[in-house]
Amino acid sequence: MRKVQGNDTFQRINFLYQLSKEVVEKNPALSVYYDNLVINIAKKSVLKIHPDIKRQICKKCRCMLVDKKSSEIKLKTKNKLKFISLKCTVCGYERRFPADKNKDHRVWLEKPEAVVEIIT
């Protein structure tokens, strides 16, 4: 069996991410601290964070974006294009993701051609 490089670091990032998601409603400042740790650990180890995790962290204040607790999610249209709008209620920063039905708006890592080898 092949060992994955940075496995212990990924486990630490996963633990801090889950902890941040649980704590966000009770103590947002502690959640921001955990999210800062997640990003700093990934940068120091030169590891890429999964896009789903990155989308749930505010880019400005690094607070965990949980619907109806620390963010507002809306579907908006502009010039016949649909967007999913994520707005952080802590700092007011807004992110938009395309949501057209006919187009494939997935991150490259989520596409099947990105998978080279599955390690068990």
PDB file of N, CA and C in Angstrom:
ATOM      1  N   MET A   1       0.844  -1.184   0.000  1.00  0.00           N
ATOM      2  CA  MET A   1       0.000   0.000   0.000  1.00  0.00           C
ATOM      3  C   MET A   1       0.886   1.243   0.000  1.00  0.00           C
ATOM      4  N   ARG A   2       0.534   2.205  -0.843  1.00  0.00           N
ATOM      5  CA  ARG A   2       1.303   3.423  -0.972  1.00  0.00           C
ATOM      6  C   ARG A   2       0.852   4.450   0.054  1.00  0.00           C
ATOM      7  N   LYS A   3       1.807   5.125   0.645  1.00  0.00           N
ATOM      8  CA  LYS A   3       1.495   6.130   1.650  1.00  0.00           C
ATOM      9  C   LYS A   3       1.335   7.499   0.985  1.00  0.00           C
ATOM     10  N   VAL A   4       0.328   8.243   1.405  1.00  0.00           N
ATOM     11  CA  VAL A   4       0.053   9.568   0.851  1.00  0.00           C
ATOM     12  C   VAL A   4       0.924  10.591   1.575  1.00  0.00           C
ATOM     13  N   GLN A   5       1.571  11.455   0.805  1.00  0.00           N
ATOM     14  CA  GLN A   5       2.410  12.482   1.398  1.00  0.00           C
ATOM     15  C   GLN A   5       1.536  13.523   2.089  1.00  0.00           C
ATOM     16  N   GLY A   6       1.843  13.838   3.336  1.00  0.00           N
ATOM     17  CA  GLY A   6       1.093  14.842   4.085  1.00  0.00           C
ATOM     18  C   GLY A   6      -0.194  14.317   4.676  1.00  0.00           C
ATOM     19  N   ASN A   7      -0.303  13.001   4.864  1.00  0.00           N
ATOM     20  CA  ASN A   7      -1.541  12.407   5.377  1.00  0.00           C
ATOM     21  C   ASN A   7      -1.887  12.931   6.771  1.00  0.00           C
ATOM     22  N   ASP A   8      -0.889  13.041   7.642  1.00  0.00           N
ATOM     23  CA  ASP A   8      -1.149  13.555   8.990  1.00  0.00           C
ATOM     24  C   ASP A   8      -1.593  15.013   8.953  1.00  0.00           C
ATOM     25  N   THR A   9      -1.066  15.773   8.003  1.00  0.00           N
ATOM     26  CA  THR A   9      -1.468  17.172   7.855  1.00  0.00           C
ATOM     27  C   THR A   9      -2.907  17.269   7.359  1.00  0.00           C
ATOM     28  N   PHE A  10      -3.283  16.409   6.415  1.00  0.00           N
ATOM     29  CA  PHE A  10      -4.667  16.392   5.937  1.00  0.00           C
ATOM     30  C   PHE A  10      -5.628  16.024   7.061  1.00  0.00           C
ATOM     31  N   GLN A  11      -5.223  15.094   7.914  1.00  0.00           N
ATOM     32  CA  GLN A  11      -6.062  14.709   9.042  1.00  0.00           C
ATOM     33  C   GLN A  11      -6.233  15.876  10.012  1.00  0.00           C
ATOM     34  N   ARG A  12      -5.164  16.621  10.238  1.00  0.00           N
ATOM     35  CA  ARG A  12      -5.239  17.783  11.134  1.00  0.00           C
ATOM     36  C   ARG A  12      -6.139  18.869  10.542  1.00  0.00           C
ATOM     37  N   ILE A  13      -6.008  19.108   9.231  1.00  0.00           N
ATOM     38  CA  ILE A  13      -6.855  20.094   8.561  1.00  0.00           C
ATOM     39  C   ILE A  13      -8.323  19.673   8.644  1.00  0.00           C
ATOM     40  N   ASN A  14      -8.599  18.389   8.431  1.00  0.00           N
ATOM     41  CA  ASN A  14      -9.960  17.877   8.493  1.00  0.00           C
ATOM     42  C   ASN A  14     -10.547  18.045   9.894  1.00  0.00           C
ATOM     43  N   PHE A  15      -9.758  17.750  10.911  1.00  0.00           N
ATOM     44  CA  PHE A  15     -10.227  17.881  12.293  1.00  0.00           C
ATOM     45  C   PHE A  15     -10.545  19.341  12.627  1.00  0.00           C
ATOM     46  N   LEU A  16      -9.655  20.254  12.255  1.00  0.00           N
ATOM     47  CA  LEU A  16      -9.871  21.677  12.532  1.00  0.00           C
ATOM     48  C   LEU A  16     -11.078  22.212  11.756  1.00  0.00           C
ATOM     49  N   TYR A  17     -11.272  21.725  10.530  1.00  0.00           N
ATOM     50  CA  TYR A  17     -12.421  22.138   9.727  1.00  0.00           C
ATOM     51  C   TYR A  17     -13.726  21.714  10.388  1.00  0.00           C
ATOM     52  N   GLN A  18     -13.799  20.468  10.841  1.00  0.00           N
ATOM     53  CA  GLN A  18     -15.003  19.973  11.504  1.00  0.00           C
ATOM     54  C   GLN A  18     -15.263  20.714  12.810  1.00  0.00           C
ATOM     55  N   LEU A  19     -14.187  20.992  13.552  1.00  0.00           N
ATOM     56  CA  LEU A  19     -14.303  21.725  14.808  1.00  0.00           C
ATOM     57  C   LEU A  19     -14.822  23.139  14.561  1.00  0.00           C
ATOM     58  N   SER A  20     -14.311  23.781  13.528  1.00  0.00           N
ATOM     59  CA  SER A  20     -14.740  25.136  13.187  1.00  0.00           C
ATOM     60  C   SER A  20     -16.222  25.165  12.807  1.00  0.00           C
ATOM     61  N   LYS A  21     -16.672  24.144  12.089  1.00  0.00           N
ATOM     62  CA  LYS A  21     -18.062  24.085  11.666  1.00  0.00           C
ATOM     63  C   LYS A  21     -19.009  23.901  12.851  1.00  0.00           C
ATOM     64  N   GLU A  22     -18.569  23.174  13.865  1.00  0.00           N
ATOM     65  CA  GLU A  22     -19.388  22.954  15.054  1.00  0.00           C
ATOM     66  C   GLU A  22     -19.449  24.191  15.953  1.00  0.00           C
ATOM     67  N   VAL A  23     -18.365  24.954  15.994  1.00  0.00           N
ATOM     68  CA  VAL A  23     -18.236  26.056  16.947  1.00  0.00           C
ATOM     69  C   VAL A  23     -18.782  27.378  16.418  1.00  0.00           C
ATOM     70  N   VAL A  24     -19.010  27.482  15.103  1.00  0.00           N
ATOM     71  CA  VAL A  24     -19.326  28.767  14.484  1.00  0.00           C
ATOM     72  C   VAL A  24     -20.553  29.446  15.084  1.00  0.00           C
ATOM     73  N   GLU A  25     -21.556  28.695  15.471  1.00  0.00           N
ATOM     74  CA  GLU A  25     -22.775  29.301  16.004  1.00  0.00           C
ATOM     75  C   GLU A  25     -22.560  29.824  17.426  1.00  0.00           C
ATOM     76  N   LYS A  26     -21.803  29.095  18.229  1.00  0.00           N
ATOM     77  CA  LYS A  26     -21.604  29.481  19.623  1.00  0.00           C
ATOM     78  C   LYS A  26     -20.540  30.549  19.792  1.00  0.00           C
ATOM     79  N   ASN A  27     -19.430  30.405  19.064  1.00  0.00           N
ATOM     80  CA  ASN A  27     -18.309  31.324  19.218  1.00  0.00           C
ATOM     81  C   ASN A  27     -17.654  31.577  17.857  1.00  0.00           C
ATOM     82  N   PRO A  28     -18.093  32.610  17.114  1.00  0.00           N
ATOM     83  CA  PRO A  28     -17.538  32.873  15.781  1.00  0.00           C
ATOM     84  C   PRO A  28     -16.049  33.217  15.795  1.00  0.00           C
ATOM     85  N   ALA A  29     -15.569  33.847  16.864  1.00  0.00           N
ATOM     86  CA  ALA A  29     -14.152  34.205  16.931  1.00  0.00           C
ATOM     87  C   ALA A  29     -13.272  32.963  16.989  1.00  0.00           C
ATOM     88  N   LEU A  30     -13.718  31.947  17.709  1.00  0.00           N
ATOM     89  CA  LEU A  30     -12.971  30.695  17.794  1.00  0.00           C
ATOM     90  C   LEU A  30     -12.997  29.967  16.445  1.00  0.00           C
ATOM     91  N   SER A  31     -14.115  30.060  15.744  1.00  0.00           N
ATOM     92  CA  SER A  31     -14.221  29.480  14.414  1.00  0.00           C
ATOM     93  C   SER A  31     -13.238  30.139  13.444  1.00  0.00           C
ATOM     94  N   VAL A  32     -13.106  31.452  13.526  1.00  0.00           N
ATOM     95  CA  VAL A  32     -12.154  32.188  12.685  1.00  0.00           C
ATOM     96  C   VAL A  32     -10.728  31.734  12.997  1.00  0.00           C
ATOM     97  N   TYR A  33     -10.428  31.514  14.262  1.00  0.00           N
ATOM     98  CA  TYR A  33      -9.097  31.057  14.666  1.00  0.00           C
ATOM     99  C   TYR A  33      -8.794  29.687  14.053  1.00  0.00           C
ATOM    100  N   TYR A  34      -9.757  28.768  14.115  1.00  0.00           N
ATOM    101  CA  TYR A  34      -9.558  27.432  13.547  1.00  0.00           C
ATOM    102  C   TYR A  34      -9.391  27.491  12.029  1.00  0.00           C
ATOM    103  N   ASP A  35     -10.164  28.348  11.367  1.00  0.00           N
ATOM    104  CA  ASP A  35     -10.038  28.480   9.919  1.00  0.00           C
ATOM    105  C   ASP A  35      -8.696  29.091   9.528  1.00  0.00           C
ATOM    106  N   ASN A  36      -8.198  30.040  10.320  1.00  0.00           N
ATOM    107  CA  ASN A  36      -6.860  30.580  10.087  1.00  0.00           C
ATOM    108  C   ASN A  36      -5.818  29.481  10.198  1.00  0.00           C
ATOM    109  N   LEU A  37      -5.966  28.610  11.205  1.00  0.00           N
ATOM    110  CA  LEU A  37      -5.038  27.489  11.359  1.00  0.00           C
ATOM    111  C   LEU A  37      -5.084  26.570  10.148  1.00  0.00           C
ATOM    112  N   VAL A  38      -6.286  26.275   9.650  1.00  0.00           N
ATOM    113  CA  VAL A  38      -6.440  25.401   8.488  1.00  0.00           C
ATOM    114  C   VAL A  38      -5.671  25.962   7.301  1.00  0.00           C
ATOM    115  N   ILE A  39      -5.872  27.231   7.006  1.00  0.00           N
ATOM    116  CA  ILE A  39      -5.234  27.851   5.840  1.00  0.00           C
ATOM    117  C   ILE A  39      -3.720  27.963   6.027  1.00  0.00           C
ATOM    118  N   ASN A  40      -3.284  28.328   7.222  1.00  0.00           N
ATOM    119  CA  ASN A  40      -1.850  28.458   7.477  1.00  0.00           C
ATOM    120  C   ASN A  40      -1.133  27.110   7.437  1.00  0.00           C
ATOM    121  N   ILE A  41      -1.766  26.062   7.932  1.00  0.00           N
ATOM    122  CA  ILE A  41      -1.169  24.718   7.882  1.00  0.00           C
ATOM    123  C   ILE A  41      -1.023  24.266   6.433  1.00  0.00           C
ATOM    124  N   ALA A  42      -2.062  24.498   5.624  1.00  0.00           N
ATOM    125  CA  ALA A  42      -2.008  24.108   4.217  1.00  0.00           C
ATOM    126  C   ALA A  42      -0.929  24.883   3.472  1.00  0.00           C
ATOM    127  N   LYS A  43      -0.786  26.166   3.758  1.00  0.00           N
ATOM    128  CA  LYS A  43       0.251  26.972   3.105  1.00  0.00           C
ATOM    129  C   LYS A  43       1.650  26.517   3.511  1.00  0.00           C
ATOM    130  N   LYS A  44       1.837  26.253   4.787  1.00  0.00           N
ATOM    131  CA  LYS A  44       3.161  25.862   5.277  1.00  0.00           C
ATOM    132  C   LYS A  44       3.570  24.499   4.724  1.00  0.00           C
ATOM    133  N   SER A  45       2.604  23.587   4.592  1.00  0.00           N
ATOM    134  CA  SER A  45       2.899  22.247   4.094  1.00  0.00           C
ATOM    135  C   SER A  45       2.839  22.167   2.573  1.00  0.00           C
ATOM    136  N   VAL A  46       2.471  23.267   1.909  1.00  0.00           N
ATOM    137  CA  VAL A  46       2.302  23.353   0.461  1.00  0.00           C
ATOM    138  C   VAL A  46       1.339  22.258  -0.016  1.00  0.00           C
ATOM    139  N   LEU A  47       0.154  22.233   0.601  1.00  0.00           N
ATOM    140  CA  LEU A  47      -0.907  21.297   0.244  1.00  0.00           C
ATOM    141  C   LEU A  47      -2.109  22.078  -0.252  1.00  0.00           C
ATOM    142  N   LYS A  48      -2.863  21.474  -1.156  1.00  0.00           N
ATOM    143  CA  LYS A  48      -4.061  22.123  -1.669  1.00  0.00           C
ATOM    144  C   LYS A  48      -5.271  21.692  -0.848  1.00  0.00           C
ATOM    145  N   ILE A  49      -6.047  22.676  -0.426  1.00  0.00           N
ATOM    146  CA  ILE A  49      -7.275  22.404   0.307  1.00  0.00           C
ATOM    147  C   ILE A  49      -8.367  22.067  -0.714  1.00  0.00           C
ATOM    148  N   HIS A  50      -9.230  21.120  -0.377  1.00  0.00           N
ATOM    149  CA  HIS A  50     -10.308  20.715  -1.278  1.00  0.00           C
ATOM    150  C   HIS A  50     -11.212  21.915  -1.564  1.00  0.00           C
ATOM    151  N   PRO A  51     -11.686  22.070  -2.813  1.00  0.00           N
ATOM    152  CA  PRO A  51     -12.509  23.225  -3.174  1.00  0.00           C
ATOM    153  C   PRO A  51     -13.775  23.377  -2.333  1.00  0.00           C
ATOM    154  N   ASP A  52     -14.380  22.273  -1.904  1.00  0.00           N
ATOM    155  CA  ASP A  52     -15.582  22.374  -1.068  1.00  0.00           C
ATOM    156  C   ASP A  52     -15.272  23.039   0.268  1.00  0.00           C
ATOM    157  N   ILE A  53     -14.107  22.758   0.809  1.00  0.00           N
ATOM    158  CA  ILE A  53     -13.705  23.378   2.078  1.00  0.00           C
ATOM    159  C   ILE A  53     -13.383  24.850   1.856  1.00  0.00           C
ATOM    160  N   LYS A  54     -12.685  25.161   0.763  1.00  0.00           N
ATOM    161  CA  LYS A  54     -12.326  26.551   0.481  1.00  0.00           C
ATOM    162  C   LYS A  54     -13.554  27.428   0.256  1.00  0.00           C
ATOM    163  N   ARG A  55     -14.601  26.850  -0.348  1.00  0.00           N
ATOM    164  CA  ARG A  55     -15.814  27.619  -0.617  1.00  0.00           C
ATOM    165  C   ARG A  55     -16.589  27.935   0.646  1.00  0.00           C
ATOM    166  N   GLN A  56     -16.370  27.183   1.694  1.00  0.00           N
ATOM    167  CA  GLN A  56     -17.108  27.404   2.941  1.00  0.00           C
ATOM    168  C   GLN A  56     -16.360  28.307   3.911  1.00  0.00           C
ATOM    169  N   ILE A  57     -15.228  28.855   3.504  1.00  0.00           N
ATOM    170  CA  ILE A  57     -14.468  29.785   4.347  1.00  0.00           C
ATOM    171  C   ILE A  57     -14.474  31.149   3.663  1.00  0.00           C
ATOM    172  N   CYS A  58     -14.854  32.176   4.415  1.00  0.00           N
ATOM    173  CA  CYS A  58     -14.872  33.539   3.877  1.00  0.00           C
ATOM    174  C   CYS A  58     -13.438  33.971   3.560  1.00  0.00           C
ATOM    175  N   LYS A  59     -13.249  34.565   2.379  1.00  0.00           N
ATOM    176  CA  LYS A  59     -11.915  34.988   1.973  1.00  0.00           C
ATOM    177  C   LYS A  59     -11.429  36.221   2.728  1.00  0.00           C
ATOM    178  N   LYS A  60     -12.362  37.041   3.217  1.00  0.00           N
ATOM    179  CA  LYS A  60     -11.979  38.283   3.870  1.00  0.00           C
ATOM    180  C   LYS A  60     -11.716  38.093   5.366  1.00  0.00           C
ATOM    181  N   CYS A  61     -12.697  37.558   6.099  1.00  0.00           N
ATOM    182  CA  CYS A  61     -12.553  37.439   7.555  1.00  0.00           C
ATOM    183  C   CYS A  61     -12.257  36.010   8.009  1.00  0.00           C
ATOM    184  N   ARG A  62     -12.278  35.057   7.065  1.00  0.00           N
ATOM    185  CA  ARG A  62     -11.992  33.644   7.320  1.00  0.00           C
ATOM    186  C   ARG A  62     -12.943  32.992   8.331  1.00  0.00           C
ATOM    187  N   CYS A  63     -14.166  33.426   8.321  1.00  0.00           N
ATOM    188  CA  CYS A  63     -15.201  32.818   9.158  1.00  0.00           C
ATOM    189  C   CYS A  63     -15.838  31.675   8.369  1.00  0.00           C
ATOM    190  N   MET A  64     -16.291  30.639   9.065  1.00  0.00           N
ATOM    191  CA  MET A  64     -16.958  29.510   8.418  1.00  0.00           C
ATOM    192  C   MET A  64     -18.328  29.959   7.929  1.00  0.00           C
ATOM    193  N   LEU A  65     -18.625  29.739   6.654  1.00  0.00           N
ATOM    194  CA  LEU A  65     -19.897  30.155   6.071  1.00  0.00           C
ATOM    195  C   LEU A  65     -20.904  29.019   6.181  1.00  0.00           C
ATOM    196  N   VAL A  66     -21.780  29.105   7.178  1.00  0.00           N
ATOM    197  CA  VAL A  66     -22.837  28.129   7.386  1.00  0.00           C
ATOM    198  C   VAL A  66     -24.161  28.860   7.161  1.00  0.00           C
ATOM    199  N   ASP A  67     -25.032  28.262   6.340  1.00  0.00           N
ATOM    200  CA  ASP A  67     -26.291  28.909   5.975  1.00  0.00           C
ATOM    201  C   ASP A  67     -27.143  29.221   7.200  1.00  0.00           C
ATOM    202  N   LYS A  68     -27.665  30.426   7.245  1.00  0.00           N
ATOM    203  CA  LYS A  68     -28.540  30.960   8.291  1.00  0.00           C
ATOM    204  C   LYS A  68     -27.866  31.111   9.648  1.00  0.00           C
ATOM    205  N   LYS A  69     -26.582  30.829   9.739  1.00  0.00           N
ATOM    206  CA  LYS A  69     -25.845  31.043  10.986  1.00  0.00           C
ATOM    207  C   LYS A  69     -24.808  32.139  10.801  1.00  0.00           C
ATOM    208  N   SER A  70     -24.031  32.046   9.736  1.00  0.00           N
ATOM    209  CA  SER A  70     -23.014  33.056   9.487  1.00  0.00           C
ATOM    210  C   SER A  70     -23.001  33.517   8.031  1.00  0.00           C
ATOM    211  N   SER A  71     -23.980  33.078   7.236  1.00  0.00           N
ATOM    212  CA  SER A  71     -24.028  33.515   5.840  1.00  0.00           C
ATOM    213  C   SER A  71     -25.458  33.499   5.310  1.00  0.00           C
ATOM    214  N   GLU A  72     -25.632  34.196   4.199  1.00  0.00           N
ATOM    215  CA  GLU A  72     -26.908  34.203   3.490  1.00  0.00           C
ATOM    216  C   GLU A  72     -26.657  33.677   2.084  1.00  0.00           C
ATOM    217  N   ILE A  73     -27.474  32.725   1.648  1.00  0.00           N
ATOM    218  CA  ILE A  73     -27.339  32.158   0.311  1.00  0.00           C
ATOM    219  C   ILE A  73     -28.557  32.562  -0.512  1.00  0.00           C
ATOM    220  N   LYS A  74     -28.295  33.147  -1.684  1.00  0.00           N
ATOM    221  CA  LYS A  74     -29.372  33.583  -2.574  1.00  0.00           C
ATOM    222  C   LYS A  74     -29.050  33.190  -4.002  1.00  0.00           C
ATOM    223  N   LEU A  75     -30.091  32.982  -4.788  1.00  0.00           N
ATOM    224  CA  LEU A  75     -29.948  32.735  -6.213  1.00  0.00           C
ATOM    225  C   LEU A  75     -30.261  34.040  -6.935  1.00  0.00           C
ATOM    226  N   LYS A  76     -29.292  34.565  -7.682  1.00  0.00           N
ATOM    227  CA  LYS A  76     -29.458  35.839  -8.373  1.00  0.00           C
ATOM    228  C   LYS A  76     -29.292  35.646  -9.873  1.00  0.00           C
ATOM    229  N   THR A  77     -29.924  36.551 -10.642  1.00  0.00           N
ATOM    230  CA  THR A  77     -29.766  36.539 -12.090  1.00  0.00           C
ATOM    231  C   THR A  77     -29.265  37.891 -12.554  1.00  0.00           C
ATOM    232  N   LYS A  78     -28.388  37.846 -13.556  1.00  0.00           N
ATOM    233  CA  LYS A  78     -27.855  39.077 -14.142  1.00  0.00           C
ATOM    234  C   LYS A  78     -27.576  38.791 -15.617  1.00  0.00           C
ATOM    235  N   ASN A  79     -28.268  39.498 -16.490  1.00  0.00           N
ATOM    236  CA  ASN A  79     -28.129  39.314 -17.935  1.00  0.00           C
ATOM    237  C   ASN A  79     -28.324  37.856 -18.349  1.00  0.00           C
ATOM    238  N   LYS A  80     -29.388  37.252 -17.887  1.00  0.00           N
ATOM    239  CA  LYS A  80     -29.770  35.869 -18.185  1.00  0.00           C
ATOM    240  C   LYS A  80     -28.779  34.828 -17.629  1.00  0.00           C
ATOM    241  N   LEU A  81     -27.865  35.241 -16.796  1.00  0.00           N
ATOM    242  CA  LEU A  81     -26.941  34.312 -16.152  1.00  0.00           C
ATOM    243  C   LEU A  81     -27.343  34.156 -14.690  1.00  0.00           C
ATOM    244  N   LYS A  82     -27.315  32.932 -14.211  1.00  0.00           N
ATOM    245  CA  LYS A  82     -27.691  32.679 -12.826  1.00  0.00           C
ATOM    246  C   LYS A  82     -26.438  32.493 -11.977  1.00  0.00           C
ATOM    247  N   PHE A  83     -26.493  33.063 -10.772  1.00  0.00           N
ATOM    248  CA  PHE A  83     -25.386  32.967  -9.826  1.00  0.00           C
ATOM    249  C   PHE A  83     -25.908  32.552  -8.467  1.00  0.00           C
ATOM    250  N   ILE A  84     -25.113  31.782  -7.760  1.00  0.00           N
ATOM    251  CA  ILE A  84     -25.377  31.514  -6.353  1.00  0.00           C
ATOM    252  C   ILE A  84     -24.543  32.512  -5.580  1.00  0.00           C
ATOM    253  N   SER A  85     -25.186  33.317  -4.759  1.00  0.00           N
ATOM    254  CA  SER A  85     -24.510  34.360  -4.013  1.00  0.00           C
ATOM    255  C   SER A  85     -24.373  33.944  -2.545  1.00  0.00           C
ATOM    256  N   LEU A  86     -23.145  33.908  -2.060  1.00  0.00           N
ATOM    257  CA  LEU A  86     -22.851  33.623  -0.652  1.00  0.00           C
ATOM    258  C   LEU A  86     -22.393  34.919  -0.006  1.00  0.00           C
ATOM    259  N   LYS A  87     -23.134  35.403   0.986  1.00  0.00           N
ATOM    260  CA  LYS A  87     -22.767  36.646   1.650  1.00  0.00           C
ATOM    261  C   LYS A  87     -22.476  36.366   3.114  1.00  0.00           C
ATOM    262  N   CYS A  88     -21.291  36.746   3.559  1.00  0.00           N
ATOM    263  CA  CYS A  88     -20.878  36.569   4.946  1.00  0.00           C
ATOM    264  C   CYS A  88     -21.584  37.621   5.802  1.00  0.00           C
ATOM    265  N   THR A  89     -22.263  37.194   6.870  1.00  0.00           N
ATOM    266  CA  THR A  89     -22.962  38.145   7.736  1.00  0.00           C
ATOM    267  C   THR A  89     -22.024  38.797   8.739  1.00  0.00           C
ATOM    268  N   VAL A  90     -20.813  38.269   8.882  1.00  0.00           N
ATOM    269  CA  VAL A  90     -19.851  38.841   9.821  1.00  0.00           C
ATOM    270  C   VAL A  90     -19.186  40.077   9.225  1.00  0.00           C
ATOM    271  N   CYS A  91     -18.657  39.961   7.989  1.00  0.00           N
ATOM    272  CA  CYS A  91     -17.929  41.080   7.381  1.00  0.00           C
ATOM    273  C   CYS A  91     -18.634  41.684   6.175  1.00  0.00           C
ATOM    274  N   GLY A  92     -19.639  41.000   5.608  1.00  0.00           N
ATOM    275  CA  GLY A  92     -20.370  41.532   4.465  1.00  0.00           C
ATOM    276  C   GLY A  92     -19.780  41.181   3.116  1.00  0.00           C
ATOM    277  N   TYR A  93     -18.730  40.367   3.071  1.00  0.00           N
ATOM    278  CA  TYR A  93     -18.096  39.969   1.813  1.00  0.00           C
ATOM    279  C   TYR A  93     -19.013  39.023   1.046  1.00  0.00           C
ATOM    280  N   GLU A  94     -19.119  39.224  -0.272  1.00  0.00           N
ATOM    281  CA  GLU A  94     -20.016  38.429  -1.096  1.00  0.00           C
ATOM    282  C   GLU A  94     -19.233  37.692  -2.175  1.00  0.00           C
ATOM    283  N   ARG A  95     -19.516  36.403  -2.311  1.00  0.00           N
ATOM    284  CA  ARG A  95     -18.901  35.589  -3.356  1.00  0.00           C
ATOM    285  C   ARG A  95     -19.998  35.071  -4.268  1.00  0.00           C
ATOM    286  N   ARG A  96     -19.667  34.939  -5.558  1.00  0.00           N
ATOM    287  CA  ARG A  96     -20.637  34.453  -6.534  1.00  0.00           C
ATOM    288  C   ARG A  96     -20.076  33.240  -7.258  1.00  0.00           C
ATOM    289  N   PHE A  97     -20.948  32.249  -7.442  1.00  0.00           N
ATOM    290  CA  PHE A  97     -20.597  31.054  -8.188  1.00  0.00           C
ATOM    291  C   PHE A  97     -21.626  30.865  -9.292  1.00  0.00           C
ATOM    292  N   PRO A  98     -21.194  30.547 -10.525  1.00  0.00           N
ATOM    293  CA  PRO A  98     -22.144  30.366 -11.616  1.00  0.00           C
ATOM    294  C   PRO A  98     -23.044  29.165 -11.366  1.00  0.00           C
ATOM    295  N   ALA A  99     -24.303  29.264 -11.815  1.00  0.00           N
ATOM    296  CA  ALA A  99     -25.281  28.198 -11.572  1.00  0.00           C
ATOM    297  C   ALA A  99     -26.163  27.950 -12.785  1.00  0.00           C
ATOM    298  N   ASP A 100     -25.605  28.021 -13.991  1.00  0.00           N
ATOM    299  CA  ASP A 100     -26.387  27.750 -15.185  1.00  0.00           C
ATOM    300  C   ASP A 100     -26.655  26.257 -15.305  1.00  0.00           C
ATOM    301  N   LYS A 101     -27.862  25.929 -15.731  1.00  0.00           N
ATOM    302  CA  LYS A 101     -28.272  24.523 -15.817  1.00  0.00           C
ATOM    303  C   LYS A 101     -27.570  23.809 -16.979  1.00  0.00           C
ATOM    304  N   ASN A 102     -27.377  24.494 -18.098  1.00  0.00           N
ATOM    305  CA  ASN A 102     -26.848  23.871 -19.307  1.00  0.00           C
ATOM    306  C   ASN A 102     -25.323  23.761 -19.342  1.00  0.00           C
ATOM    307  N   LYS A 103     -24.638  24.485 -18.483  1.00  0.00           N
ATOM    308  CA  LYS A 103     -23.177  24.496 -18.520  1.00  0.00           C
ATOM    309  C   LYS A 103     -22.603  23.696 -17.351  1.00  0.00           C
ATOM    310  N   ASP A 104     -21.404  23.201 -17.557  1.00  0.00           N
ATOM    311  CA  ASP A 104     -20.718  22.415 -16.534  1.00  0.00           C
ATOM    312  C   ASP A 104     -19.782  23.343 -15.763  1.00  0.00           C
ATOM    313  N   HIS A 105     -20.200  23.799 -14.584  1.00  0.00           N
ATOM    314  CA  HIS A 105     -19.418  24.736 -13.785  1.00  0.00           C
ATOM    315  C   HIS A 105     -18.762  24.027 -12.605  1.00  0.00           C
ATOM    316  N   ARG A 106     -18.060  22.958 -12.879  1.00  0.00           N
ATOM    317  CA  ARG A 106     -17.365  22.263 -11.804  1.00  0.00           C
ATOM    318  C   ARG A 106     -15.903  22.665 -11.787  1.00  0.00           C
ATOM    319  N   VAL A 107     -15.311  22.613 -10.622  1.00  0.00           N
ATOM    320  CA  VAL A 107     -13.886  22.847 -10.493  1.00  0.00           C
ATOM    321  C   VAL A 107     -13.169  21.677 -11.162  1.00  0.00           C
ATOM    322  N   TRP A 108     -11.965  21.900 -11.693  1.00  0.00           N
ATOM    323  CA  TRP A 108     -11.252  20.862 -12.417  1.00  0.00           C
ATOM    324  C   TRP A 108     -11.052  19.615 -11.570  1.00  0.00           C
ATOM    325  N   LEU A 109     -10.824  19.779 -10.274  1.00  0.00           N
ATOM    326  CA  LEU A 109     -10.609  18.631  -9.398  1.00  0.00           C
ATOM    327  C   LEU A 109     -11.850  17.752  -9.272  1.00  0.00           C
ATOM    328  N   GLU A 110     -13.032  18.294  -9.530  1.00  0.00           N
ATOM    329  CA  GLU A 110     -14.266  17.533  -9.417  1.00  0.00           C
ATOM    330  C   GLU A 110     -14.609  16.786 -10.709  1.00  0.00           C
ATOM    331  N   LYS A 111     -13.896  17.053 -11.792  1.00  0.00           N
ATOM    332  CA  LYS A 111     -14.167  16.399 -13.069  1.00  0.00           C
ATOM    333  C   LYS A 111     -13.483  15.031 -13.123  1.00  0.00           C
ATOM    334  N   PRO A 112     -14.068  14.074 -13.854  1.00  0.00           N
ATOM    335  CA  PRO A 112     -13.511  12.717 -13.885  1.00  0.00           C
ATOM    336  C   PRO A 112     -12.103  12.628 -14.476  1.00  0.00           C
ATOM    337  N   GLU A 113     -11.754  13.506 -15.409  1.00  0.00           N
ATOM    338  CA  GLU A 113     -10.422  13.428 -16.016  1.00  0.00           C
ATOM    339  C   GLU A 113      -9.310  13.870 -15.073  1.00  0.00           C
ATOM    340  N   ALA A 114      -9.664  14.477 -13.932  1.00  0.00           N
ATOM    341  CA  ALA A 114      -8.666  14.914 -12.971  1.00  0.00           C
ATOM    342  C   ALA A 114      -8.151  13.750 -12.106  1.00  0.00           C
ATOM    343  N   VAL A 115      -8.919  12.676 -12.022  1.00  0.00           N
ATOM    344  CA  VAL A 115      -8.537  11.538 -11.189  1.00  0.00           C
ATOM    345  C   VAL A 115      -7.556  10.673 -11.973  1.00  0.00           C
ATOM    346  N   VAL A 116      -6.338  10.581 -11.451  1.00  0.00           N
ATOM    347  CA  VAL A 116      -5.302   9.790 -12.081  1.00  0.00           C
ATOM    348  C   VAL A 116      -5.244   8.402 -11.456  1.00  0.00           C
ATOM    349  N   GLU A 117      -5.268   8.378 -10.106  1.00  0.00           N
ATOM    350  CA  GLU A 117      -5.144   7.115  -9.403  1.00  0.00           C
ATOM    351  C   GLU A 117      -5.920   7.223  -8.089  1.00  0.00           C
ATOM    352  N   ILE A 118      -6.619   6.164  -7.723  1.00  0.00           N
ATOM    353  CA  ILE A 118      -7.346   6.113  -6.471  1.00  0.00           C
ATOM    354  C   ILE A 118      -6.535   5.296  -5.487  1.00  0.00           C
ATOM    355  N   ILE A 119      -6.187   5.894  -4.350  1.00  0.00           N
ATOM    356  CA  ILE A 119      -5.368   5.229  -3.339  1.00  0.00           C
ATOM    357  C   ILE A 119      -6.282   4.781  -2.214  1.00  0.00           C
ATOM    358  N   THR A 120      -6.207   3.493  -1.875  1.00  0.00           N
ATOM    359  CA  THR A 120      -7.040   2.959  -0.789  1.00  0.00           C
ATOM    360  C   THR A 120      -6.215   2.621   0.418  1.00  0.00           C
TER     361      THR A 120
END
